[in-house]
Amino acid sequence: MLKVRLMGQKNEIRWFLRVLGRNPKIQLENTSTFYNNKGTERFKRLYTEVHRIEKGSKKSNKKNDATNDSAKDSYCGSGKTFC
């Protein structure tokens, strides 16, 4: 498992999460909300966990949390984020 911090503009972070979410070999979990960076309103940061899916593992059948759209979260085209 990797813990990843993404920094950039909101639309760039959403795009990259969408790219990661399409990869069948990894699974995104515990994606955080956007946080402000000190000194700038332009750039944000977001935290997520990346899990590698092994062949034949139980996680490979599990629906990717990053693309799961629930009532409490809003979908921004990048996965489970809060806009």
N, C-alpha and C. Protein backbone atom coordinates (compact mmCIF):
# COMPACT_ATOMS: atom_id res chain seq x y z
N MET A 1 0.85 -1.17 0.00
CA MET A 1 0.00 0.00 0.00
C MET A 1 0.89 1.23 0.00
N LEU A 2 0.47 2.22 -0.78
CA LEU A 2 1.15 3.51 -0.82
C LEU A 2 0.21 4.58 -0.32
N LYS A 3 0.73 5.50 0.45
CA LYS A 3 -0.03 6.69 0.83
C LYS A 3 0.51 7.82 -0.03
N VAL A 4 -0.39 8.47 -0.77
CA VAL A 4 0.03 9.43 -1.78
C VAL A 4 -0.58 10.79 -1.49
N ARG A 5 0.24 11.83 -1.62
CA ARG A 5 -0.25 13.21 -1.54
C ARG A 5 -0.15 13.80 -2.94
N LEU A 6 -1.29 14.27 -3.44
CA LEU A 6 -1.33 14.91 -4.75
C LEU A 6 -1.47 16.41 -4.55
N MET A 7 -0.67 17.19 -5.26
CA MET A 7 -0.76 18.64 -5.16
C MET A 7 -0.87 19.22 -6.56
N GLY A 8 -1.75 20.20 -6.70
CA GLY A 8 -1.94 20.86 -7.98
C GLY A 8 -3.27 21.58 -7.99
N GLN A 9 -3.71 21.96 -9.18
CA GLN A 9 -5.02 22.56 -9.30
C GLN A 9 -6.08 21.47 -9.21
N LYS A 10 -7.29 21.84 -8.76
CA LYS A 10 -8.34 20.86 -8.55
C LYS A 10 -8.61 20.02 -9.80
N ASN A 11 -8.70 20.67 -10.95
CA ASN A 11 -9.01 19.92 -12.16
C ASN A 11 -7.89 18.95 -12.55
N GLU A 12 -6.64 19.30 -12.27
CA GLU A 12 -5.52 18.40 -12.55
C GLU A 12 -5.53 17.20 -11.62
N ILE A 13 -5.85 17.42 -10.34
CA ILE A 13 -5.93 16.32 -9.38
C ILE A 13 -7.07 15.39 -9.74
N ARG A 14 -8.22 15.95 -10.11
CA ARG A 14 -9.37 15.12 -10.52
C ARG A 14 -9.01 14.27 -11.74
N TRP A 15 -8.32 14.88 -12.71
CA TRP A 15 -7.91 14.16 -13.90
C TRP A 15 -7.00 12.99 -13.54
N PHE A 16 -6.01 13.24 -12.67
CA PHE A 16 -5.06 12.19 -12.32
C PHE A 16 -5.74 11.06 -11.53
N LEU A 17 -6.66 11.40 -10.64
CA LEU A 17 -7.39 10.36 -9.92
C LEU A 17 -8.22 9.52 -10.88
N ARG A 18 -8.78 10.15 -11.89
CA ARG A 18 -9.55 9.41 -12.90
C ARG A 18 -8.64 8.44 -13.66
N VAL A 19 -7.43 8.89 -14.00
CA VAL A 19 -6.46 8.03 -14.68
C VAL A 19 -6.09 6.84 -13.79
N LEU A 20 -5.80 7.12 -12.52
CA LEU A 20 -5.46 6.04 -11.59
C LEU A 20 -6.63 5.08 -11.40
N GLY A 21 -7.85 5.62 -11.32
CA GLY A 21 -9.03 4.78 -11.10
C GLY A 21 -9.32 3.84 -12.25
N ARG A 22 -8.84 4.15 -13.44
CA ARG A 22 -9.06 3.30 -14.62
C ARG A 22 -8.08 2.13 -14.69
N ASN A 23 -7.02 2.18 -13.91
CA ASN A 23 -6.01 1.13 -13.95
C ASN A 23 -6.53 -0.10 -13.20
N PRO A 24 -6.68 -1.24 -13.87
CA PRO A 24 -7.23 -2.43 -13.21
C PRO A 24 -6.28 -3.08 -12.21
N LYS A 25 -5.03 -2.66 -12.18
CA LYS A 25 -4.04 -3.27 -11.29
C LYS A 25 -3.94 -2.59 -9.94
N ILE A 26 -4.63 -1.45 -9.78
CA ILE A 26 -4.58 -0.75 -8.50
C ILE A 26 -5.99 -0.39 -8.04
N GLN A 27 -6.09 -0.10 -6.76
CA GLN A 27 -7.36 0.31 -6.16
C GLN A 27 -7.09 1.51 -5.26
N LEU A 28 -7.91 2.55 -5.41
CA LEU A 28 -7.79 3.75 -4.58
C LEU A 28 -8.74 3.63 -3.41
N GLU A 29 -8.26 3.96 -2.23
CA GLU A 29 -9.09 3.93 -1.03
C GLU A 29 -8.79 5.15 -0.17
N ASN A 30 -9.74 5.50 0.67
CA ASN A 30 -9.60 6.58 1.64
C ASN A 30 -9.13 7.88 0.99
N THR A 31 -9.77 8.27 -0.08
CA THR A 31 -9.44 9.53 -0.73
C THR A 31 -9.99 10.68 0.11
N SER A 32 -9.14 11.64 0.42
CA SER A 32 -9.52 12.73 1.31
C SER A 32 -10.23 13.85 0.54
N THR A 33 -10.58 14.87 1.27
CA THR A 33 -11.11 16.08 0.66
C THR A 33 -9.95 16.94 0.18
N PHE A 34 -10.25 18.01 -0.52
CA PHE A 34 -9.22 18.96 -0.93
C PHE A 34 -8.83 19.82 0.27
N TYR A 35 -7.53 20.04 0.42
CA TYR A 35 -7.00 20.92 1.45
C TYR A 35 -6.32 22.09 0.77
N ASN A 36 -6.37 23.25 1.39
CA ASN A 36 -5.68 24.42 0.87
C ASN A 36 -4.20 24.35 1.19
N ASN A 37 -3.37 24.85 0.29
CA ASN A 37 -1.95 25.01 0.56
C ASN A 37 -1.73 26.41 1.13
N LYS A 38 -0.81 26.52 2.06
CA LYS A 38 -0.52 27.83 2.64
C LYS A 38 0.06 28.76 1.58
N GLY A 39 -0.42 29.98 1.57
CA GLY A 39 0.12 31.00 0.69
C GLY A 39 -0.48 31.06 -0.70
N THR A 40 -1.39 30.13 -1.03
CA THR A 40 -1.99 30.16 -2.36
C THR A 40 -3.40 29.61 -2.34
N GLU A 41 -4.24 30.21 -3.11
CA GLU A 41 -5.61 29.71 -3.29
C GLU A 41 -5.69 28.85 -4.55
N ARG A 42 -4.69 28.95 -5.40
CA ARG A 42 -4.72 28.27 -6.69
C ARG A 42 -4.48 26.77 -6.57
N PHE A 43 -3.56 26.36 -5.70
CA PHE A 43 -3.18 24.97 -5.59
C PHE A 43 -3.80 24.33 -4.36
N LYS A 44 -4.20 23.09 -4.51
CA LYS A 44 -4.81 22.30 -3.43
C LYS A 44 -3.99 21.03 -3.26
N ARG A 45 -4.30 20.30 -2.19
CA ARG A 45 -3.69 18.99 -2.01
C ARG A 45 -4.76 18.00 -1.58
N LEU A 46 -4.50 16.74 -1.86
CA LEU A 46 -5.44 15.67 -1.59
C LEU A 46 -4.63 14.43 -1.25
N TYR A 47 -5.13 13.62 -0.34
CA TYR A 47 -4.44 12.40 0.08
C TYR A 47 -5.26 11.19 -0.31
N THR A 48 -4.59 10.10 -0.69
CA THR A 48 -5.27 8.86 -1.02
C THR A 48 -4.34 7.68 -0.74
N GLU A 49 -4.92 6.50 -0.66
CA GLU A 49 -4.14 5.27 -0.50
C GLU A 49 -4.29 4.46 -1.77
N VAL A 50 -3.17 3.93 -2.25
CA VAL A 50 -3.16 3.12 -3.46
C VAL A 50 -2.78 1.70 -3.07
N HIS A 51 -3.65 0.75 -3.41
CA HIS A 51 -3.40 -0.67 -3.12
C HIS A 51 -3.18 -1.41 -4.44
N ARG A 52 -2.17 -2.25 -4.46
CA ARG A 52 -1.93 -3.09 -5.63
C ARG A 52 -2.84 -4.30 -5.56
N ILE A 53 -3.49 -4.62 -6.66
CA ILE A 53 -4.38 -5.78 -6.70
C ILE A 53 -3.61 -6.95 -7.29
N GLU A 54 -3.49 -7.99 -6.49
CA GLU A 54 -2.79 -9.21 -6.93
C GLU A 54 -3.76 -10.06 -7.74
N LYS A 55 -3.23 -10.84 -8.66
CA LYS A 55 -4.08 -11.74 -9.44
C LYS A 55 -4.72 -12.76 -8.51
N GLY A 56 -6.02 -12.96 -8.67
CA GLY A 56 -6.73 -13.96 -7.88
C GLY A 56 -7.07 -13.51 -6.47
N SER A 57 -6.80 -12.25 -6.12
CA SER A 57 -7.13 -11.79 -4.77
C SER A 57 -8.60 -11.42 -4.68
N LYS A 58 -9.11 -11.38 -3.47
CA LYS A 58 -10.50 -11.03 -3.24
C LYS A 58 -10.77 -9.57 -3.59
N LYS A 59 -9.75 -8.71 -3.46
CA LYS A 59 -9.93 -7.29 -3.74
C LYS A 59 -10.18 -7.03 -5.22
N SER A 60 -9.75 -7.95 -6.09
CA SER A 60 -9.93 -7.71 -7.52
C SER A 60 -11.39 -7.71 -7.92
N ASN A 61 -12.26 -8.38 -7.13
CA ASN A 61 -13.68 -8.39 -7.42
C ASN A 61 -14.41 -7.23 -6.76
N LYS A 62 -13.76 -6.57 -5.82
CA LYS A 62 -14.37 -5.46 -5.10
C LYS A 62 -14.45 -4.24 -6.00
N LYS A 63 -15.56 -3.53 -5.96
CA LYS A 63 -15.71 -2.33 -6.77
C LYS A 63 -14.77 -1.26 -6.24
N ASN A 64 -14.15 -0.55 -7.13
CA ASN A 64 -13.17 0.48 -6.78
C ASN A 64 -13.85 1.60 -6.00
N ASP A 65 -13.37 1.90 -4.80
CA ASP A 65 -13.95 2.95 -3.95
C ASP A 65 -13.84 4.32 -4.60
N ALA A 66 -12.84 4.52 -5.44
CA ALA A 66 -12.65 5.82 -6.04
C ALA A 66 -13.74 6.15 -7.06
N THR A 67 -14.39 5.14 -7.61
CA THR A 67 -15.46 5.39 -8.57
C THR A 67 -16.83 5.14 -7.96
N ASN A 68 -16.87 4.86 -6.67
CA ASN A 68 -18.14 4.61 -5.99
C ASN A 68 -18.80 5.94 -5.68
N ASP A 69 -19.99 6.15 -6.21
CA ASP A 69 -20.72 7.40 -6.01
C ASP A 69 -21.81 7.15 -4.98
N SER A 70 -21.69 7.73 -3.81
CA SER A 70 -22.70 7.56 -2.78
C SER A 70 -23.43 8.86 -2.54
N ALA A 71 -24.51 8.81 -1.77
CA ALA A 71 -25.34 9.98 -1.52
C ALA A 71 -24.59 11.05 -0.73
N LYS A 72 -23.71 10.65 0.18
CA LYS A 72 -23.02 11.63 1.02
C LYS A 72 -21.85 12.30 0.31
N ASP A 73 -21.35 11.71 -0.77
CA ASP A 73 -20.23 12.26 -1.51
C ASP A 73 -20.72 12.79 -2.85
N SER A 74 -20.03 13.77 -3.37
CA SER A 74 -20.38 14.26 -4.70
C SER A 74 -19.33 13.78 -5.68
N TYR A 75 -19.77 13.39 -6.85
CA TYR A 75 -18.86 12.87 -7.87
C TYR A 75 -18.37 14.01 -8.73
N CYS A 76 -17.08 14.14 -8.86
CA CYS A 76 -16.47 15.25 -9.60
C CYS A 76 -15.72 14.76 -10.83
N GLY A 77 -16.04 13.56 -11.28
CA GLY A 77 -15.36 13.04 -12.45
C GLY A 77 -14.02 12.40 -12.15
N SER A 78 -13.60 12.42 -10.91
CA SER A 78 -12.31 11.86 -10.58
C SER A 78 -12.41 10.74 -9.57
N GLY A 79 -13.55 10.54 -9.02
CA GLY A 79 -13.71 9.51 -8.02
C GLY A 79 -14.36 10.08 -6.78
N LYS A 80 -14.10 9.45 -5.67
CA LYS A 80 -14.73 9.82 -4.42
C LYS A 80 -14.03 11.04 -3.84
N THR A 81 -14.54 12.21 -4.14
CA THR A 81 -13.97 13.44 -3.62
C THR A 81 -15.08 14.35 -3.17
N PHE A 82 -14.73 15.35 -2.43
CA PHE A 82 -15.68 16.33 -1.97
C PHE A 82 -15.33 17.65 -2.63
N CYS A 83 -16.22 18.18 -3.44
CA CYS A 83 -15.93 19.40 -4.18
C CYS A 83 -16.38 20.63 -3.44
